[in-house]
N, C-alpha and C. Protein backbone atom coordinates (compact mmCIF):
# COMPACT_ATOMS: atom_id res chain seq x y z
N MET A 1 82.77 -105.96 -203.13
CA MET A 1 82.24 -106.39 -204.40
C MET A 1 81.71 -105.16 -205.15
N ASN A 2 81.84 -105.17 -206.45
CA ASN A 2 81.38 -104.07 -207.29
C ASN A 2 79.91 -104.29 -207.67
N TYR A 3 79.02 -103.85 -206.80
CA TYR A 3 77.59 -104.02 -207.06
C TYR A 3 77.12 -103.22 -208.27
N LYS A 4 77.77 -102.11 -208.52
CA LYS A 4 77.34 -101.24 -209.62
C LYS A 4 77.36 -101.97 -210.97
N SER A 5 78.25 -102.93 -211.12
CA SER A 5 78.32 -103.65 -212.39
C SER A 5 77.11 -104.56 -212.60
N PHE A 6 76.30 -104.76 -211.55
CA PHE A 6 75.10 -105.59 -211.64
C PHE A 6 73.82 -104.75 -211.65
N ILE A 7 73.98 -103.43 -211.74
CA ILE A 7 72.83 -102.53 -211.75
C ILE A 7 72.77 -101.85 -213.12
N ARG A 8 71.67 -102.05 -213.78
CA ARG A 8 71.50 -101.54 -215.14
C ARG A 8 70.85 -100.16 -215.07
N THR A 9 71.32 -99.26 -215.93
CA THR A 9 70.71 -97.93 -216.03
C THR A 9 69.82 -97.89 -217.25
N ILE A 10 68.56 -97.53 -217.03
CA ILE A 10 67.57 -97.44 -218.10
C ILE A 10 67.25 -95.95 -218.30
N PRO A 11 67.70 -95.37 -219.42
CA PRO A 11 67.42 -93.94 -219.64
C PRO A 11 65.94 -93.70 -219.96
N ASP A 12 65.46 -92.55 -219.53
CA ASP A 12 64.10 -92.08 -219.83
C ASP A 12 63.01 -93.04 -219.34
N PHE A 13 63.23 -93.65 -218.19
CA PHE A 13 62.21 -94.51 -217.58
C PHE A 13 62.03 -94.10 -216.13
N PRO A 14 60.86 -93.91 -215.64
CA PRO A 14 59.55 -94.13 -216.28
C PRO A 14 59.08 -92.95 -217.12
N ARG A 15 59.88 -91.87 -217.13
CA ARG A 15 59.53 -90.73 -217.98
C ARG A 15 60.81 -90.07 -218.48
N PRO A 16 60.72 -89.25 -219.51
CA PRO A 16 61.92 -88.61 -220.07
C PRO A 16 62.72 -87.85 -219.01
N GLY A 17 64.03 -88.01 -219.09
CA GLY A 17 64.93 -87.32 -218.17
C GLY A 17 65.31 -88.12 -216.93
N ILE A 18 64.62 -89.21 -216.66
CA ILE A 18 64.92 -90.05 -215.50
C ILE A 18 65.87 -91.16 -215.94
N ARG A 19 66.89 -91.41 -215.14
CA ARG A 19 67.81 -92.53 -215.36
C ARG A 19 67.50 -93.56 -214.27
N PHE A 20 66.72 -94.57 -214.62
CA PHE A 20 66.26 -95.57 -213.66
C PHE A 20 67.38 -96.56 -213.37
N ARG A 21 67.64 -96.81 -212.10
CA ARG A 21 68.66 -97.77 -211.67
C ARG A 21 67.96 -99.10 -211.40
N ASP A 22 68.13 -100.04 -212.31
CA ASP A 22 67.42 -101.32 -212.30
C ASP A 22 68.22 -102.38 -211.56
N ILE A 23 67.64 -102.90 -210.46
CA ILE A 23 68.32 -103.91 -209.64
C ILE A 23 68.06 -105.32 -210.12
N THR A 24 67.22 -105.53 -211.13
CA THR A 24 66.87 -106.90 -211.50
C THR A 24 68.07 -107.73 -211.95
N PRO A 25 69.09 -107.17 -212.62
CA PRO A 25 70.27 -108.01 -212.91
C PRO A 25 70.99 -108.46 -211.64
N LEU A 26 71.05 -107.61 -210.63
CA LEU A 26 71.67 -107.99 -209.35
C LEU A 26 70.88 -109.12 -208.70
N LEU A 27 69.56 -109.00 -208.72
CA LEU A 27 68.72 -110.03 -208.11
C LEU A 27 68.84 -111.36 -208.86
N ALA A 28 69.02 -111.28 -210.18
CA ALA A 28 69.10 -112.49 -211.01
C ALA A 28 70.43 -113.23 -210.84
N HIS A 29 71.44 -112.53 -210.33
CA HIS A 29 72.76 -113.14 -210.12
C HIS A 29 72.84 -113.60 -208.67
N GLY A 30 72.56 -114.87 -208.45
CA GLY A 30 72.43 -115.41 -207.10
C GLY A 30 73.58 -115.10 -206.16
N ALA A 31 74.80 -115.25 -206.64
CA ALA A 31 75.96 -115.02 -205.77
C ALA A 31 76.04 -113.56 -205.33
N THR A 32 75.70 -112.65 -206.22
CA THR A 32 75.75 -111.23 -205.88
C THR A 32 74.63 -110.86 -204.91
N PHE A 33 73.42 -111.35 -205.18
CA PHE A 33 72.31 -111.10 -204.27
C PHE A 33 72.64 -111.64 -202.88
N ARG A 34 73.18 -112.84 -202.83
CA ARG A 34 73.56 -113.44 -201.54
C ARG A 34 74.63 -112.58 -200.85
N HIS A 35 75.56 -112.02 -201.62
CA HIS A 35 76.62 -111.18 -201.06
C HIS A 35 76.03 -109.90 -200.46
N VAL A 36 75.05 -109.30 -201.14
CA VAL A 36 74.39 -108.11 -200.60
C VAL A 36 73.80 -108.42 -199.23
N ILE A 37 73.05 -109.51 -199.14
CA ILE A 37 72.41 -109.87 -197.87
C ILE A 37 73.46 -110.18 -196.81
N ALA A 38 74.51 -110.89 -197.19
CA ALA A 38 75.57 -111.24 -196.23
C ALA A 38 76.28 -109.98 -195.71
N GLU A 39 76.53 -109.02 -196.60
CA GLU A 39 77.21 -107.80 -196.17
C GLU A 39 76.34 -107.00 -195.20
N LEU A 40 75.07 -106.90 -195.50
CA LEU A 40 74.17 -106.19 -194.59
C LEU A 40 74.00 -106.97 -193.28
N ALA A 41 73.91 -108.28 -193.37
CA ALA A 41 73.77 -109.11 -192.17
C ALA A 41 74.98 -108.94 -191.25
N ALA A 42 76.17 -108.90 -191.81
CA ALA A 42 77.37 -108.72 -190.99
C ALA A 42 77.33 -107.37 -190.26
N ARG A 43 76.73 -106.38 -190.88
CA ARG A 43 76.66 -105.05 -190.28
C ARG A 43 75.64 -104.98 -189.13
N TYR A 44 74.53 -105.71 -189.26
CA TYR A 44 73.43 -105.54 -188.32
C TYR A 44 73.18 -106.71 -187.37
N ASP A 45 73.83 -107.84 -187.59
CA ASP A 45 73.60 -109.01 -186.75
C ASP A 45 73.88 -108.68 -185.28
N GLY A 46 72.90 -108.97 -184.44
CA GLY A 46 73.04 -108.73 -183.01
C GLY A 46 72.79 -107.29 -182.59
N ARG A 47 72.53 -106.40 -183.55
CA ARG A 47 72.36 -104.98 -183.23
C ARG A 47 70.91 -104.51 -183.33
N VAL A 48 70.04 -105.33 -183.93
CA VAL A 48 68.67 -104.87 -184.16
C VAL A 48 67.65 -105.95 -183.84
N ASP A 49 66.44 -105.49 -183.56
CA ASP A 49 65.33 -106.39 -183.29
C ASP A 49 64.46 -106.62 -184.52
N LYS A 50 64.33 -105.58 -185.33
CA LYS A 50 63.46 -105.64 -186.50
C LYS A 50 64.10 -104.96 -187.70
N ILE A 51 63.78 -105.51 -188.87
CA ILE A 51 64.11 -104.87 -190.13
C ILE A 51 62.81 -104.32 -190.68
N VAL A 52 62.79 -103.04 -190.99
CA VAL A 52 61.62 -102.37 -191.53
C VAL A 52 61.86 -102.17 -193.02
N GLY A 53 61.10 -102.88 -193.85
CA GLY A 53 61.26 -102.82 -195.30
C GLY A 53 60.20 -101.94 -195.93
N ILE A 54 60.64 -101.03 -196.79
CA ILE A 54 59.73 -100.10 -197.47
C ILE A 54 59.26 -100.72 -198.78
N GLU A 55 57.93 -100.70 -198.98
CA GLU A 55 57.32 -101.24 -200.19
C GLU A 55 57.90 -100.58 -201.43
N ALA A 56 58.16 -101.31 -202.45
CA ALA A 56 58.09 -102.75 -202.56
C ALA A 56 59.50 -103.34 -202.59
N ARG A 57 60.44 -102.63 -203.16
CA ARG A 57 61.77 -103.22 -203.30
C ARG A 57 62.51 -103.35 -201.98
N GLY A 58 62.11 -102.60 -200.98
CA GLY A 58 62.68 -102.78 -199.65
C GLY A 58 62.34 -104.14 -199.06
N PHE A 59 61.23 -104.73 -199.53
CA PHE A 59 60.86 -106.08 -199.10
C PHE A 59 61.87 -107.10 -199.63
N ILE A 60 62.34 -106.87 -200.86
CA ILE A 60 63.25 -107.82 -201.52
C ILE A 60 64.53 -107.99 -200.71
N PHE A 61 65.03 -106.90 -200.14
CA PHE A 61 66.26 -106.95 -199.37
C PHE A 61 66.00 -107.12 -197.87
N GLY A 62 64.93 -106.53 -197.38
CA GLY A 62 64.66 -106.54 -195.96
C GLY A 62 64.29 -107.90 -195.41
N ALA A 63 63.42 -108.63 -196.10
CA ALA A 63 62.99 -109.93 -195.58
C ALA A 63 64.14 -110.94 -195.49
N PRO A 64 64.96 -111.12 -196.54
CA PRO A 64 66.07 -112.06 -196.37
C PRO A 64 67.12 -111.58 -195.37
N LEU A 65 67.27 -110.27 -195.22
CA LEU A 65 68.18 -109.75 -194.20
C LEU A 65 67.67 -110.11 -192.81
N ALA A 66 66.38 -109.88 -192.58
CA ALA A 66 65.79 -110.24 -191.28
C ALA A 66 65.99 -111.72 -190.99
N HIS A 67 65.73 -112.55 -191.99
CA HIS A 67 65.90 -113.99 -191.84
C HIS A 67 67.36 -114.33 -191.49
N ALA A 68 68.29 -113.71 -192.19
CA ALA A 68 69.72 -114.01 -191.99
C ALA A 68 70.20 -113.69 -190.58
N ILE A 69 69.62 -112.66 -189.96
CA ILE A 69 70.10 -112.27 -188.63
C ILE A 69 69.13 -112.67 -187.51
N GLY A 70 68.06 -113.35 -187.88
CA GLY A 70 67.11 -113.79 -186.87
C GLY A 70 66.28 -112.67 -186.28
N ALA A 71 66.08 -111.60 -187.04
CA ALA A 71 65.26 -110.47 -186.59
C ALA A 71 63.87 -110.60 -187.21
N GLY A 72 62.94 -109.84 -186.68
CA GLY A 72 61.62 -109.77 -187.28
C GLY A 72 61.64 -108.87 -188.50
N PHE A 73 60.67 -109.05 -189.37
CA PHE A 73 60.53 -108.19 -190.55
C PHE A 73 59.20 -107.47 -190.47
N VAL A 74 59.23 -106.16 -190.68
CA VAL A 74 58.02 -105.33 -190.64
C VAL A 74 57.87 -104.61 -191.97
N PRO A 75 56.78 -104.91 -192.70
CA PRO A 75 56.56 -104.20 -193.96
C PRO A 75 55.91 -102.83 -193.74
N VAL A 76 56.44 -101.84 -194.42
CA VAL A 76 55.84 -100.52 -194.48
C VAL A 76 55.21 -100.42 -195.86
N ARG A 77 53.90 -100.17 -195.90
CA ARG A 77 53.16 -100.30 -197.15
C ARG A 77 52.42 -99.03 -197.53
N LYS A 78 51.97 -99.03 -198.77
CA LYS A 78 51.11 -97.96 -199.27
C LYS A 78 49.75 -98.08 -198.58
N PRO A 79 48.97 -97.00 -198.59
CA PRO A 79 47.69 -97.00 -197.88
C PRO A 79 46.75 -98.12 -198.33
N GLY A 80 46.07 -98.70 -197.33
CA GLY A 80 45.05 -99.70 -197.61
C GLY A 80 45.57 -101.09 -197.92
N LYS A 81 46.86 -101.34 -197.79
CA LYS A 81 47.44 -102.65 -198.12
C LYS A 81 47.62 -103.54 -196.91
N LEU A 82 47.59 -102.98 -195.72
CA LEU A 82 47.77 -103.78 -194.50
C LEU A 82 46.40 -104.18 -193.96
N PRO A 83 46.22 -105.45 -193.58
CA PRO A 83 44.89 -105.92 -193.17
C PRO A 83 44.48 -105.52 -191.76
N GLY A 84 45.44 -105.23 -190.90
CA GLY A 84 45.13 -104.90 -189.51
C GLY A 84 45.14 -103.41 -189.28
N GLU A 85 44.98 -103.04 -188.01
CA GLU A 85 45.01 -101.63 -187.65
C GLU A 85 46.39 -101.06 -187.93
N ALA A 86 46.42 -99.92 -188.60
CA ALA A 86 47.69 -99.33 -189.02
C ALA A 86 47.73 -97.84 -188.68
N ILE A 87 48.95 -97.34 -188.56
CA ILE A 87 49.17 -95.89 -188.47
C ILE A 87 49.91 -95.49 -189.73
N GLY A 88 49.73 -94.25 -190.13
CA GLY A 88 50.36 -93.80 -191.36
C GLY A 88 51.02 -92.46 -191.22
N HIS A 89 51.79 -92.12 -192.24
CA HIS A 89 52.45 -90.82 -192.28
C HIS A 89 52.42 -90.33 -193.72
N ASP A 90 51.94 -89.11 -193.90
CA ASP A 90 51.93 -88.46 -195.22
C ASP A 90 53.25 -87.73 -195.41
N TYR A 91 53.74 -87.72 -196.65
CA TYR A 91 54.96 -87.01 -196.95
C TYR A 91 54.87 -86.39 -198.33
N ALA A 92 55.66 -85.35 -198.54
CA ALA A 92 55.58 -84.57 -199.77
C ALA A 92 56.37 -85.22 -200.89
N LEU A 93 55.80 -85.15 -202.07
CA LEU A 93 56.47 -85.53 -203.31
C LEU A 93 56.70 -84.26 -204.10
N GLU A 94 57.39 -84.38 -205.23
CA GLU A 94 57.62 -83.21 -206.06
C GLU A 94 56.29 -82.55 -206.44
N TYR A 95 55.31 -83.38 -206.78
CA TYR A 95 53.97 -82.88 -207.10
C TYR A 95 52.95 -83.66 -206.30
N GLY A 96 52.54 -83.14 -205.15
CA GLY A 96 51.54 -83.81 -204.35
C GLY A 96 52.12 -84.46 -203.11
N THR A 97 51.38 -85.45 -202.61
CA THR A 97 51.80 -86.16 -201.40
C THR A 97 51.63 -87.66 -201.59
N ASN A 98 52.24 -88.40 -200.70
CA ASN A 98 52.08 -89.84 -200.65
C ASN A 98 51.93 -90.23 -199.19
N ARG A 99 51.67 -91.48 -198.94
CA ARG A 99 51.48 -91.96 -197.57
C ARG A 99 52.00 -93.38 -197.47
N ILE A 100 52.59 -93.70 -196.33
CA ILE A 100 52.95 -95.08 -196.01
C ILE A 100 52.38 -95.42 -194.65
N GLU A 101 52.19 -96.73 -194.42
CA GLU A 101 51.57 -97.19 -193.19
C GLU A 101 52.30 -98.41 -192.64
N VAL A 102 52.13 -98.62 -191.34
CA VAL A 102 52.68 -99.78 -190.65
C VAL A 102 51.62 -100.27 -189.66
N HIS A 103 51.58 -101.58 -189.41
CA HIS A 103 50.68 -102.10 -188.39
C HIS A 103 51.04 -101.50 -187.03
N VAL A 104 50.02 -101.20 -186.25
CA VAL A 104 50.26 -100.59 -184.94
C VAL A 104 51.06 -101.51 -184.02
N ASP A 105 50.95 -102.82 -184.24
CA ASP A 105 51.69 -103.76 -183.39
C ASP A 105 52.94 -104.32 -184.09
N GLY A 106 53.34 -103.71 -185.18
CA GLY A 106 54.50 -104.20 -185.94
C GLY A 106 55.83 -103.92 -185.26
N ILE A 107 55.92 -102.78 -184.62
CA ILE A 107 57.16 -102.37 -183.96
C ILE A 107 56.81 -102.02 -182.52
N ALA A 108 57.51 -102.62 -181.58
CA ALA A 108 57.23 -102.39 -180.16
C ALA A 108 58.12 -101.27 -179.61
N ARG A 109 57.61 -100.64 -178.58
CA ARG A 109 58.35 -99.58 -177.88
C ARG A 109 59.75 -100.08 -177.51
N GLY A 110 60.75 -99.29 -177.82
CA GLY A 110 62.12 -99.60 -177.45
C GLY A 110 62.87 -100.52 -178.39
N GLU A 111 62.18 -101.08 -179.39
CA GLU A 111 62.89 -101.97 -180.31
C GLU A 111 63.88 -101.17 -181.17
N ARG A 112 64.96 -101.84 -181.51
CA ARG A 112 65.98 -101.27 -182.39
C ARG A 112 65.69 -101.75 -183.81
N VAL A 113 65.57 -100.80 -184.74
CA VAL A 113 65.21 -101.15 -186.10
C VAL A 113 66.18 -100.57 -187.12
N VAL A 114 66.26 -101.25 -188.25
CA VAL A 114 66.95 -100.72 -189.42
C VAL A 114 65.90 -100.58 -190.51
N ILE A 115 65.88 -99.43 -191.15
CA ILE A 115 64.97 -99.18 -192.26
C ILE A 115 65.70 -99.50 -193.54
N VAL A 116 65.10 -100.35 -194.39
CA VAL A 116 65.77 -100.86 -195.59
C VAL A 116 64.95 -100.53 -196.83
N ASP A 117 65.65 -100.06 -197.86
CA ASP A 117 65.06 -99.87 -199.18
C ASP A 117 66.15 -100.10 -200.21
N ASP A 118 65.74 -100.23 -201.46
CA ASP A 118 66.72 -100.49 -202.51
C ASP A 118 67.51 -99.25 -202.87
N LEU A 119 66.87 -98.06 -202.82
CA LEU A 119 67.50 -96.87 -203.37
C LEU A 119 67.17 -95.64 -202.54
N LEU A 120 68.18 -94.81 -202.32
CA LEU A 120 68.01 -93.53 -201.64
C LEU A 120 68.14 -92.42 -202.67
N ALA A 121 67.07 -91.66 -202.85
CA ALA A 121 67.08 -90.53 -203.79
C ALA A 121 66.85 -89.24 -202.99
N THR A 122 65.61 -88.81 -202.85
CA THR A 122 65.33 -87.58 -202.10
C THR A 122 65.18 -87.81 -200.61
N GLY A 123 64.95 -89.06 -200.22
CA GLY A 123 64.84 -89.39 -198.80
C GLY A 123 63.45 -89.25 -198.21
N GLY A 124 62.47 -88.83 -199.00
CA GLY A 124 61.13 -88.60 -198.47
C GLY A 124 60.48 -89.84 -197.88
N THR A 125 60.55 -90.95 -198.58
CA THR A 125 59.92 -92.17 -198.09
C THR A 125 60.65 -92.69 -196.86
N ALA A 126 61.97 -92.64 -196.88
CA ALA A 126 62.74 -93.10 -195.72
C ALA A 126 62.44 -92.22 -194.50
N LEU A 127 62.35 -90.92 -194.69
CA LEU A 127 62.01 -90.04 -193.57
C LEU A 127 60.63 -90.35 -193.02
N ALA A 128 59.69 -90.69 -193.89
CA ALA A 128 58.35 -91.07 -193.43
C ALA A 128 58.41 -92.36 -192.62
N ALA A 129 59.24 -93.32 -193.05
CA ALA A 129 59.41 -94.56 -192.30
C ALA A 129 60.07 -94.29 -190.94
N VAL A 130 61.02 -93.37 -190.90
CA VAL A 130 61.64 -92.97 -189.63
C VAL A 130 60.58 -92.40 -188.69
N GLU A 131 59.69 -91.57 -189.23
CA GLU A 131 58.62 -90.98 -188.43
C GLU A 131 57.69 -92.06 -187.87
N LEU A 132 57.35 -93.05 -188.69
CA LEU A 132 56.50 -94.14 -188.20
C LEU A 132 57.19 -94.90 -187.07
N ALA A 133 58.49 -95.18 -187.23
CA ALA A 133 59.24 -95.87 -186.17
C ALA A 133 59.24 -95.03 -184.90
N ALA A 134 59.40 -93.72 -185.04
CA ALA A 134 59.39 -92.83 -183.87
C ALA A 134 58.03 -92.85 -183.18
N ARG A 135 56.96 -92.88 -183.96
CA ARG A 135 55.61 -92.94 -183.38
C ARG A 135 55.38 -94.25 -182.64
N CYS A 136 56.12 -95.28 -182.99
CA CYS A 136 56.05 -96.56 -182.28
C CYS A 136 57.03 -96.60 -181.11
N ALA A 137 57.76 -95.50 -180.88
CA ALA A 137 58.76 -95.38 -179.82
C ALA A 137 59.91 -96.35 -180.01
N ALA A 138 60.26 -96.62 -181.27
CA ALA A 138 61.41 -97.48 -181.58
C ALA A 138 62.64 -96.61 -181.78
N SER A 139 63.79 -97.24 -181.77
CA SER A 139 65.06 -96.57 -182.02
C SER A 139 65.57 -97.00 -183.40
N VAL A 140 65.74 -96.05 -184.29
CA VAL A 140 66.26 -96.35 -185.62
C VAL A 140 67.79 -96.39 -185.54
N VAL A 141 68.35 -97.56 -185.75
CA VAL A 141 69.80 -97.74 -185.71
C VAL A 141 70.44 -97.10 -186.95
N GLU A 142 69.80 -97.33 -188.10
CA GLU A 142 70.36 -96.82 -189.36
C GLU A 142 69.32 -96.99 -190.46
N CYS A 143 69.50 -96.24 -191.53
CA CYS A 143 68.73 -96.42 -192.76
C CYS A 143 69.69 -97.01 -193.78
N ALA A 144 69.35 -98.18 -194.33
CA ALA A 144 70.26 -98.90 -195.22
C ALA A 144 69.66 -99.02 -196.62
N PHE A 145 70.54 -98.82 -197.61
CA PHE A 145 70.14 -98.86 -199.00
C PHE A 145 71.17 -99.62 -199.81
N VAL A 146 70.74 -100.23 -200.89
CA VAL A 146 71.70 -100.84 -201.80
C VAL A 146 72.35 -99.74 -202.64
N ILE A 147 71.55 -98.79 -203.12
CA ILE A 147 72.02 -97.73 -204.01
C ILE A 147 71.72 -96.36 -203.41
N GLU A 148 72.66 -95.46 -203.53
CA GLU A 148 72.45 -94.06 -203.18
C GLU A 148 72.70 -93.22 -204.43
N LEU A 149 71.78 -92.31 -204.71
CA LEU A 149 71.97 -91.35 -205.80
C LEU A 149 72.61 -90.10 -205.19
N HIS A 150 73.92 -89.94 -205.43
CA HIS A 150 74.71 -88.91 -204.77
C HIS A 150 74.27 -87.48 -205.11
N ASP A 151 73.70 -87.28 -206.29
CA ASP A 151 73.32 -85.93 -206.72
C ASP A 151 71.99 -85.46 -206.11
N LEU A 152 71.32 -86.31 -205.41
CA LEU A 152 70.04 -85.96 -204.80
C LEU A 152 70.21 -85.83 -203.29
N PRO A 153 69.28 -85.14 -202.61
CA PRO A 153 69.51 -84.75 -201.21
C PRO A 153 69.13 -85.78 -200.15
N GLY A 154 68.91 -87.04 -200.52
CA GLY A 154 68.43 -88.02 -199.55
C GLY A 154 69.30 -88.16 -198.32
N ARG A 155 70.60 -88.37 -198.52
CA ARG A 155 71.50 -88.56 -197.37
C ARG A 155 71.49 -87.33 -196.48
N ALA A 156 71.61 -86.16 -197.08
CA ALA A 156 71.65 -84.93 -196.29
C ALA A 156 70.36 -84.75 -195.48
N ARG A 157 69.22 -85.04 -196.09
CA ARG A 157 67.95 -84.90 -195.39
C ARG A 157 67.86 -85.87 -194.22
N LEU A 158 68.27 -87.12 -194.42
CA LEU A 158 68.24 -88.09 -193.33
C LEU A 158 69.21 -87.72 -192.22
N GLU A 159 70.41 -87.30 -192.59
CA GLU A 159 71.40 -86.93 -191.58
C GLU A 159 70.97 -85.69 -190.81
N GLN A 160 70.33 -84.73 -191.50
CA GLN A 160 69.81 -83.54 -190.81
C GLN A 160 68.72 -83.92 -189.81
N ALA A 161 68.04 -85.03 -190.06
CA ALA A 161 67.02 -85.53 -189.14
C ALA A 161 67.63 -86.42 -188.06
N GLY A 162 68.96 -86.50 -188.02
CA GLY A 162 69.64 -87.27 -186.98
C GLY A 162 69.80 -88.74 -187.28
N GLN A 163 69.62 -89.13 -188.53
CA GLN A 163 69.70 -90.55 -188.89
C GLN A 163 71.06 -90.89 -189.49
N ARG A 164 71.50 -92.11 -189.21
CA ARG A 164 72.70 -92.66 -189.85
C ARG A 164 72.27 -93.31 -191.15
N VAL A 165 73.13 -93.22 -192.16
CA VAL A 165 72.82 -93.75 -193.49
C VAL A 165 73.95 -94.66 -193.94
N HIS A 166 73.56 -95.81 -194.49
CA HIS A 166 74.53 -96.74 -195.07
C HIS A 166 74.04 -97.16 -196.45
N ALA A 167 74.91 -97.05 -197.45
CA ALA A 167 74.58 -97.50 -198.80
C ALA A 167 75.72 -98.37 -199.32
N LEU A 168 75.37 -99.44 -200.02
CA LEU A 168 76.39 -100.35 -200.54
C LEU A 168 77.09 -99.82 -201.77
N CYS A 169 76.40 -98.98 -202.55
CA CYS A 169 77.04 -98.35 -203.71
C CYS A 169 76.29 -97.08 -204.05
N GLY A 170 76.88 -96.28 -204.92
CA GLY A 170 76.24 -95.02 -205.28
C GLY A 170 76.52 -94.64 -206.71
N PHE A 171 75.66 -93.78 -207.22
CA PHE A 171 75.79 -93.28 -208.58
C PHE A 171 75.66 -91.76 -208.57
N THR A 172 76.37 -91.11 -209.49
CA THR A 172 76.12 -89.71 -209.79
C THR A 172 75.30 -89.68 -211.07
N GLU A 173 74.72 -88.55 -211.38
CA GLU A 173 73.90 -88.43 -212.59
C GLU A 173 74.71 -88.78 -213.84
N ALA A 174 76.00 -88.46 -213.83
CA ALA A 174 76.84 -88.70 -215.01
C ALA A 174 77.12 -90.17 -215.25
N GLU A 175 76.95 -90.99 -214.25
CA GLU A 175 77.28 -92.42 -214.41
C GLU A 175 76.14 -93.19 -215.04
């Protein structure tokens, strides 16, 4: 399926020079959204114990994927958003740092997980989620995305860290 035709590009959002890839038209088209989940489910069914969704758009795809394959869903959130005991990982941004956290009991030792987000750009957040999974002694089967931005180093950074990457579609800056 041509997912790209359901992804809108918004120029200069959230700031000048950024071409934002908007998934809301894909989400609004029920058959296409269902197809995204079905395609990911076919890839991971029987291969994983947990789906790890990165806040916030990773929740949109991760939770229904977990449901479809009968796996658990584990949210990775921004600091202070989880009510129980959590571990976190700081990671670098272009200007400054950010942090994500997971409940200490969210992922068990030896579990097989897939990390899910809507978009792969620089890979910083996904690498931080991989680090959290490693601290829980889990095995990351793959990092899955709906969109990959080919002109940015996300895939290369994840692969250099030994991670497998799967994206349903991709864009170059010119598109």
